[in-house]
Amino acid sequence: MLLPGEHFEPLGGGISVIVSQYHRFGTDTVLLADFASPRKTERAAELGAGCGAIFLLWCREQAPAHCTAVELQADACDMARRSVEYNHLQDRVSVLHADLRRLKGVLPAAAFDLVVCNPPYKK
């Protein structure tokens, strides 16, 4: 399940996320997940999901009806998918490997109650 250089980071509530030196999360991710926490009846999307920490944080206690995570980088997308499988969340979370600039027609219009994006902080 884990590739070289990866490890599980426990998030609480029996949920863990796979992280590496290239794909990890920080305090801003946890704060955004808490601030924008969806209700259990809502459909949520995370754009630029990275390793998947936000949607996994949402799934700790009261998971939304469904989460769709969109990630451009293939390795991060793979980590997020493996985290979904590890946590047995395949029925609640879909991970989509796609470019945000080309989502028209890929995701249905007006399909989400909540959409979040945690931008990377890089030069």
N, C-alpha and C. Protein backbone atom coordinates (compact mmCIF):
# COMPACT_ATOMS: atom_id res chain seq x y z
N MET A 1 0.82 -1.20 0.00
CA MET A 1 0.00 0.00 0.00
C MET A 1 0.86 1.26 0.00
N LEU A 2 1.91 1.29 0.82
CA LEU A 2 2.79 2.47 0.86
C LEU A 2 3.95 2.30 -0.12
N LEU A 3 4.31 3.39 -0.77
CA LEU A 3 5.48 3.41 -1.64
C LEU A 3 6.67 3.95 -0.85
N PRO A 4 7.89 3.74 -1.32
CA PRO A 4 9.05 4.27 -0.60
C PRO A 4 8.91 5.78 -0.36
N GLY A 5 9.22 6.21 0.84
CA GLY A 5 9.16 7.63 1.20
C GLY A 5 7.79 8.09 1.67
N GLU A 6 6.82 7.20 1.73
CA GLU A 6 5.48 7.55 2.19
C GLU A 6 5.24 6.99 3.59
N HIS A 7 4.32 7.62 4.31
CA HIS A 7 3.88 7.09 5.59
C HIS A 7 2.45 7.53 5.85
N PHE A 8 1.81 6.85 6.79
CA PHE A 8 0.46 7.22 7.19
C PHE A 8 0.52 8.30 8.25
N GLU A 9 -0.32 9.31 8.10
CA GLU A 9 -0.47 10.37 9.10
C GLU A 9 -1.87 10.22 9.69
N PRO A 10 -1.99 9.88 10.98
CA PRO A 10 -3.32 9.74 11.57
C PRO A 10 -4.02 11.09 11.70
N LEU A 11 -5.32 11.11 11.35
CA LEU A 11 -6.11 12.34 11.42
C LEU A 11 -7.12 12.31 12.56
N GLY A 12 -7.21 11.21 13.25
CA GLY A 12 -8.21 11.04 14.31
C GLY A 12 -9.44 10.34 13.78
N GLY A 13 -10.24 9.82 14.67
CA GLY A 13 -11.46 9.15 14.27
C GLY A 13 -11.23 7.89 13.46
N GLY A 14 -10.05 7.29 13.57
CA GLY A 14 -9.75 6.08 12.82
C GLY A 14 -9.39 6.32 11.37
N ILE A 15 -9.19 7.59 10.98
CA ILE A 15 -8.86 7.95 9.59
C ILE A 15 -7.38 8.34 9.51
N SER A 16 -6.71 7.87 8.46
CA SER A 16 -5.32 8.24 8.19
C SER A 16 -5.17 8.65 6.74
N VAL A 17 -4.15 9.45 6.48
CA VAL A 17 -3.86 9.90 5.12
C VAL A 17 -2.42 9.52 4.79
N ILE A 18 -2.19 9.12 3.55
CA ILE A 18 -0.84 8.83 3.09
C ILE A 18 -0.18 10.15 2.70
N VAL A 19 1.02 10.39 3.25
CA VAL A 19 1.77 11.61 2.94
C VAL A 19 3.20 11.23 2.57
N SER A 20 3.89 12.19 1.94
CA SER A 20 5.30 12.03 1.59
C SER A 20 5.97 13.38 1.76
N GLN A 21 7.25 13.45 1.49
CA GLN A 21 7.93 14.74 1.59
C GLN A 21 7.42 15.71 0.54
N TYR A 22 6.84 15.21 -0.55
CA TYR A 22 6.35 16.07 -1.62
C TYR A 22 4.87 16.41 -1.48
N HIS A 23 4.13 15.53 -0.86
CA HIS A 23 2.69 15.73 -0.70
C HIS A 23 2.33 15.54 0.76
N ARG A 24 2.12 16.66 1.43
CA ARG A 24 1.78 16.66 2.84
C ARG A 24 0.82 17.82 3.08
N PHE A 25 0.48 18.05 4.32
CA PHE A 25 -0.45 19.13 4.63
C PHE A 25 0.02 19.83 5.89
N GLY A 26 -0.57 21.02 6.11
CA GLY A 26 -0.20 21.80 7.28
C GLY A 26 -1.41 22.32 8.02
N THR A 27 -1.17 23.26 8.88
CA THR A 27 -2.21 23.83 9.73
C THR A 27 -3.33 24.46 8.91
N ASP A 28 -2.99 25.15 7.83
CA ASP A 28 -4.02 25.79 7.00
C ASP A 28 -5.02 24.77 6.46
N THR A 29 -4.54 23.59 6.13
CA THR A 29 -5.41 22.53 5.63
C THR A 29 -6.42 22.11 6.69
N VAL A 30 -5.94 21.92 7.91
CA VAL A 30 -6.81 21.51 9.02
C VAL A 30 -7.82 22.61 9.32
N LEU A 31 -7.37 23.86 9.31
CA LEU A 31 -8.27 24.98 9.59
C LEU A 31 -9.35 25.12 8.51
N LEU A 32 -8.96 24.98 7.24
CA LEU A 32 -9.93 25.06 6.15
C LEU A 32 -10.94 23.92 6.24
N ALA A 33 -10.48 22.71 6.52
CA ALA A 33 -11.39 21.57 6.64
C ALA A 33 -12.40 21.81 7.75
N ASP A 34 -11.96 22.38 8.85
CA ASP A 34 -12.87 22.66 9.96
C ASP A 34 -13.83 23.79 9.63
N PHE A 35 -13.30 24.86 9.04
CA PHE A 35 -14.12 26.03 8.72
C PHE A 35 -15.21 25.70 7.70
N ALA A 36 -14.85 24.89 6.71
CA ALA A 36 -15.77 24.61 5.61
C ALA A 36 -16.36 23.20 5.70
N SER A 37 -16.52 22.72 6.89
CA SER A 37 -17.00 21.35 7.08
C SER A 37 -18.43 21.18 6.56
N PRO A 38 -18.62 20.26 5.61
CA PRO A 38 -19.96 20.05 5.05
C PRO A 38 -20.86 19.27 6.01
N ARG A 39 -22.16 19.44 5.84
CA ARG A 39 -23.14 18.66 6.60
C ARG A 39 -23.21 17.26 6.02
N LYS A 40 -23.74 16.34 6.79
CA LYS A 40 -23.75 14.94 6.34
C LYS A 40 -24.66 14.70 5.13
N THR A 41 -25.56 15.62 4.83
CA THR A 41 -26.45 15.45 3.67
C THR A 41 -25.91 16.12 2.41
N GLU A 42 -24.78 16.81 2.53
CA GLU A 42 -24.27 17.61 1.41
C GLU A 42 -23.28 16.83 0.53
N ARG A 43 -23.17 17.32 -0.70
CA ARG A 43 -22.17 16.83 -1.64
C ARG A 43 -21.09 17.91 -1.71
N ALA A 44 -19.85 17.50 -1.51
CA ALA A 44 -18.75 18.45 -1.43
C ALA A 44 -17.68 18.12 -2.47
N ALA A 45 -16.94 19.15 -2.89
CA ALA A 45 -15.82 18.97 -3.81
C ALA A 45 -14.60 19.67 -3.24
N GLU A 46 -13.47 19.01 -3.41
CA GLU A 46 -12.19 19.62 -3.06
C GLU A 46 -11.38 19.73 -4.34
N LEU A 47 -11.07 20.95 -4.74
CA LEU A 47 -10.30 21.21 -5.95
C LEU A 47 -8.84 21.38 -5.59
N GLY A 48 -7.96 20.67 -6.27
CA GLY A 48 -6.55 20.69 -5.92
C GLY A 48 -6.35 19.92 -4.62
N ALA A 49 -6.83 18.70 -4.58
CA ALA A 49 -6.91 17.92 -3.34
C ALA A 49 -5.58 17.45 -2.79
N GLY A 50 -4.54 17.43 -3.62
CA GLY A 50 -3.25 16.95 -3.12
C GLY A 50 -3.38 15.53 -2.61
N CYS A 51 -2.85 15.28 -1.42
CA CYS A 51 -2.89 13.92 -0.85
C CYS A 51 -4.26 13.57 -0.29
N GLY A 52 -5.17 14.54 -0.19
CA GLY A 52 -6.54 14.26 0.23
C GLY A 52 -6.86 14.55 1.68
N ALA A 53 -6.05 15.33 2.35
CA ALA A 53 -6.25 15.57 3.78
C ALA A 53 -7.59 16.23 4.10
N ILE A 54 -8.03 17.19 3.30
CA ILE A 54 -9.28 17.90 3.64
C ILE A 54 -10.46 16.95 3.60
N PHE A 55 -10.67 16.24 2.51
CA PHE A 55 -11.85 15.37 2.46
C PHE A 55 -11.75 14.24 3.47
N LEU A 56 -10.53 13.80 3.79
CA LEU A 56 -10.39 12.77 4.82
C LEU A 56 -10.68 13.33 6.21
N LEU A 57 -10.30 14.55 6.46
CA LEU A 57 -10.66 15.19 7.73
C LEU A 57 -12.18 15.30 7.85
N TRP A 58 -12.85 15.61 6.77
CA TRP A 58 -14.32 15.67 6.79
C TRP A 58 -14.92 14.31 7.13
N CYS A 59 -14.28 13.25 6.72
CA CYS A 59 -14.83 11.90 6.91
C CYS A 59 -14.55 11.32 8.29
N ARG A 60 -13.86 12.03 9.14
CA ARG A 60 -13.53 11.50 10.47
C ARG A 60 -14.76 11.21 11.31
N GLU A 61 -15.69 12.11 11.34
CA GLU A 61 -16.83 11.97 12.23
C GLU A 61 -18.14 11.87 11.46
N GLN A 62 -18.54 12.96 10.88
CA GLN A 62 -19.82 13.03 10.18
C GLN A 62 -19.53 13.29 8.70
N ALA A 63 -19.26 12.24 7.98
CA ALA A 63 -18.89 12.37 6.57
C ALA A 63 -20.05 12.94 5.76
N PRO A 64 -19.75 13.81 4.80
CA PRO A 64 -20.79 14.30 3.90
C PRO A 64 -21.35 13.15 3.05
N ALA A 65 -22.47 13.40 2.40
CA ALA A 65 -23.08 12.37 1.55
C ALA A 65 -22.09 11.85 0.52
N HIS A 66 -21.33 12.76 -0.09
CA HIS A 66 -20.31 12.36 -1.06
C HIS A 66 -19.29 13.47 -1.23
N CYS A 67 -18.04 13.09 -1.43
CA CYS A 67 -16.96 14.03 -1.73
C CYS A 67 -16.37 13.68 -3.08
N THR A 68 -16.09 14.70 -3.87
CA THR A 68 -15.34 14.53 -5.11
C THR A 68 -14.07 15.33 -4.96
N ALA A 69 -12.95 14.66 -5.11
CA ALA A 69 -11.64 15.31 -5.02
C ALA A 69 -11.04 15.37 -6.41
N VAL A 70 -10.54 16.54 -6.78
CA VAL A 70 -9.92 16.73 -8.10
C VAL A 70 -8.46 17.11 -7.89
N GLU A 71 -7.57 16.38 -8.55
CA GLU A 71 -6.13 16.64 -8.40
C GLU A 71 -5.44 16.47 -9.75
N LEU A 72 -4.54 17.39 -10.07
CA LEU A 72 -3.81 17.38 -11.34
C LEU A 72 -2.61 16.43 -11.32
N GLN A 73 -1.86 16.42 -10.23
CA GLN A 73 -0.64 15.63 -10.16
C GLN A 73 -0.95 14.15 -9.97
N ALA A 74 -0.45 13.34 -10.87
CA ALA A 74 -0.77 11.91 -10.87
C ALA A 74 -0.34 11.21 -9.59
N ASP A 75 0.84 11.55 -9.06
CA ASP A 75 1.30 10.87 -7.84
C ASP A 75 0.46 11.25 -6.63
N ALA A 76 0.06 12.51 -6.53
CA ALA A 76 -0.81 12.94 -5.41
C ALA A 76 -2.18 12.29 -5.55
N CYS A 77 -2.68 12.23 -6.77
CA CYS A 77 -3.98 11.60 -7.03
C CYS A 77 -3.93 10.13 -6.62
N ASP A 78 -2.85 9.46 -6.93
CA ASP A 78 -2.69 8.06 -6.55
C ASP A 78 -2.66 7.91 -5.02
N MET A 79 -1.95 8.80 -4.34
CA MET A 79 -1.91 8.75 -2.87
C MET A 79 -3.30 8.95 -2.28
N ALA A 80 -4.04 9.91 -2.81
CA ALA A 80 -5.40 10.17 -2.33
C ALA A 80 -6.29 8.95 -2.54
N ARG A 81 -6.20 8.34 -3.70
CA ARG A 81 -7.00 7.14 -3.99
C ARG A 81 -6.65 5.99 -3.04
N ARG A 82 -5.36 5.81 -2.79
CA ARG A 82 -4.96 4.75 -1.87
C ARG A 82 -5.41 5.04 -0.44
N SER A 83 -5.42 6.32 -0.06
CA SER A 83 -5.94 6.69 1.27
C SER A 83 -7.43 6.39 1.37
N VAL A 84 -8.17 6.66 0.31
CA VAL A 84 -9.60 6.36 0.28
C VAL A 84 -9.81 4.86 0.47
N GLU A 85 -9.05 4.06 -0.25
CA GLU A 85 -9.16 2.60 -0.13
C GLU A 85 -8.77 2.13 1.26
N TYR A 86 -7.67 2.65 1.79
CA TYR A 86 -7.19 2.25 3.12
C TYR A 86 -8.25 2.51 4.19
N ASN A 87 -8.96 3.63 4.04
CA ASN A 87 -9.98 4.03 5.01
C ASN A 87 -11.37 3.50 4.68
N HIS A 88 -11.48 2.68 3.62
CA HIS A 88 -12.75 2.07 3.19
C HIS A 88 -13.83 3.12 2.94
N LEU A 89 -13.46 4.16 2.17
CA LEU A 89 -14.38 5.26 1.88
C LEU A 89 -14.78 5.32 0.41
N GLN A 90 -14.60 4.24 -0.33
CA GLN A 90 -14.89 4.23 -1.76
C GLN A 90 -16.34 4.59 -2.06
N ASP A 91 -17.26 4.32 -1.15
CA ASP A 91 -18.67 4.64 -1.40
C ASP A 91 -18.98 6.11 -1.12
N ARG A 92 -18.07 6.83 -0.48
CA ARG A 92 -18.31 8.23 -0.11
C ARG A 92 -17.41 9.23 -0.82
N VAL A 93 -16.31 8.74 -1.41
CA VAL A 93 -15.32 9.65 -2.00
C VAL A 93 -14.92 9.17 -3.39
N SER A 94 -14.91 10.11 -4.34
CA SER A 94 -14.38 9.86 -5.69
C SER A 94 -13.18 10.76 -5.90
N VAL A 95 -12.10 10.20 -6.39
CA VAL A 95 -10.90 10.98 -6.67
C VAL A 95 -10.74 11.03 -8.19
N LEU A 96 -10.66 12.25 -8.71
CA LEU A 96 -10.61 12.48 -10.15
C LEU A 96 -9.26 13.10 -10.52
N HIS A 97 -8.53 12.45 -11.40
CA HIS A 97 -7.27 12.98 -11.91
C HIS A 97 -7.61 13.89 -13.09
N ALA A 98 -7.60 15.20 -12.86
CA ALA A 98 -8.01 16.14 -13.91
C ALA A 98 -7.40 17.51 -13.67
N ASP A 99 -7.38 18.29 -14.73
CA ASP A 99 -6.92 19.68 -14.71
C ASP A 99 -8.12 20.57 -14.41
N LEU A 100 -8.01 21.42 -13.41
CA LEU A 100 -9.11 22.31 -13.04
C LEU A 100 -9.55 23.21 -14.19
N ARG A 101 -8.63 23.52 -15.07
CA ARG A 101 -8.94 24.39 -16.20
C ARG A 101 -9.76 23.69 -17.27
N ARG A 102 -9.90 22.37 -17.13
CA ARG A 102 -10.62 21.60 -18.14
C ARG A 102 -11.72 20.73 -17.53
N LEU A 103 -12.41 21.26 -16.56
CA LEU A 103 -13.47 20.50 -15.88
C LEU A 103 -14.85 20.66 -16.52
N LYS A 104 -14.97 21.61 -17.42
CA LYS A 104 -16.28 21.82 -18.04
C LYS A 104 -16.72 20.53 -18.75
N GLY A 105 -17.89 20.05 -18.39
CA GLY A 105 -18.41 18.83 -18.95
C GLY A 105 -17.94 17.57 -18.23
N VAL A 106 -16.94 17.69 -17.35
CA VAL A 106 -16.44 16.53 -16.60
C VAL A 106 -17.25 16.36 -15.32
N LEU A 107 -17.46 17.47 -14.62
CA LEU A 107 -18.29 17.46 -13.42
C LEU A 107 -19.62 18.12 -13.76
N PRO A 108 -20.72 17.57 -13.28
CA PRO A 108 -22.01 18.17 -13.59
C PRO A 108 -22.17 19.56 -12.95
N ALA A 109 -22.80 20.47 -13.65
CA ALA A 109 -23.03 21.82 -13.14
C ALA A 109 -23.96 21.77 -11.94
N ALA A 110 -23.69 22.61 -10.97
CA ALA A 110 -24.53 22.77 -9.77
C ALA A 110 -24.72 21.46 -9.00
N ALA A 111 -23.71 20.59 -9.02
CA ALA A 111 -23.82 19.29 -8.37
C ALA A 111 -23.35 19.29 -6.92
N PHE A 112 -22.74 20.40 -6.46
CA PHE A 112 -22.14 20.41 -5.14
C PHE A 112 -22.75 21.48 -4.25
N ASP A 113 -22.87 21.15 -2.98
CA ASP A 113 -23.33 22.11 -1.98
C ASP A 113 -22.16 22.95 -1.44
N LEU A 114 -20.96 22.39 -1.52
CA LEU A 114 -19.77 23.04 -0.98
C LEU A 114 -18.58 22.71 -1.86
N VAL A 115 -17.77 23.72 -2.18
CA VAL A 115 -16.53 23.51 -2.94
C VAL A 115 -15.42 24.26 -2.22
N VAL A 116 -14.29 23.58 -1.99
CA VAL A 116 -13.15 24.22 -1.36
C VAL A 116 -11.91 24.04 -2.21
N CYS A 117 -10.96 24.94 -2.00
CA CYS A 117 -9.66 24.87 -2.67
C CYS A 117 -8.63 25.42 -1.70
N ASN A 118 -7.63 24.64 -1.40
CA ASN A 118 -6.53 25.06 -0.53
C ASN A 118 -5.31 25.25 -1.43
N PRO A 119 -5.03 26.47 -1.84
CA PRO A 119 -3.94 26.68 -2.81
C PRO A 119 -2.58 26.35 -2.23
N PRO A 120 -1.67 25.87 -3.07
CA PRO A 120 -0.31 25.59 -2.58
C PRO A 120 0.44 26.89 -2.33
N TYR A 121 1.30 26.88 -1.36
CA TYR A 121 2.12 28.05 -1.05
C TYR A 121 3.52 27.78 -1.53
N LYS A 122 3.76 28.08 -2.80
CA LYS A 122 5.08 27.86 -3.40
C LYS A 122 5.47 29.09 -4.19
N LYS A 123 6.74 29.26 -4.38
CA LYS A 123 7.24 30.36 -5.20
C LYS A 123 6.90 30.09 -6.64
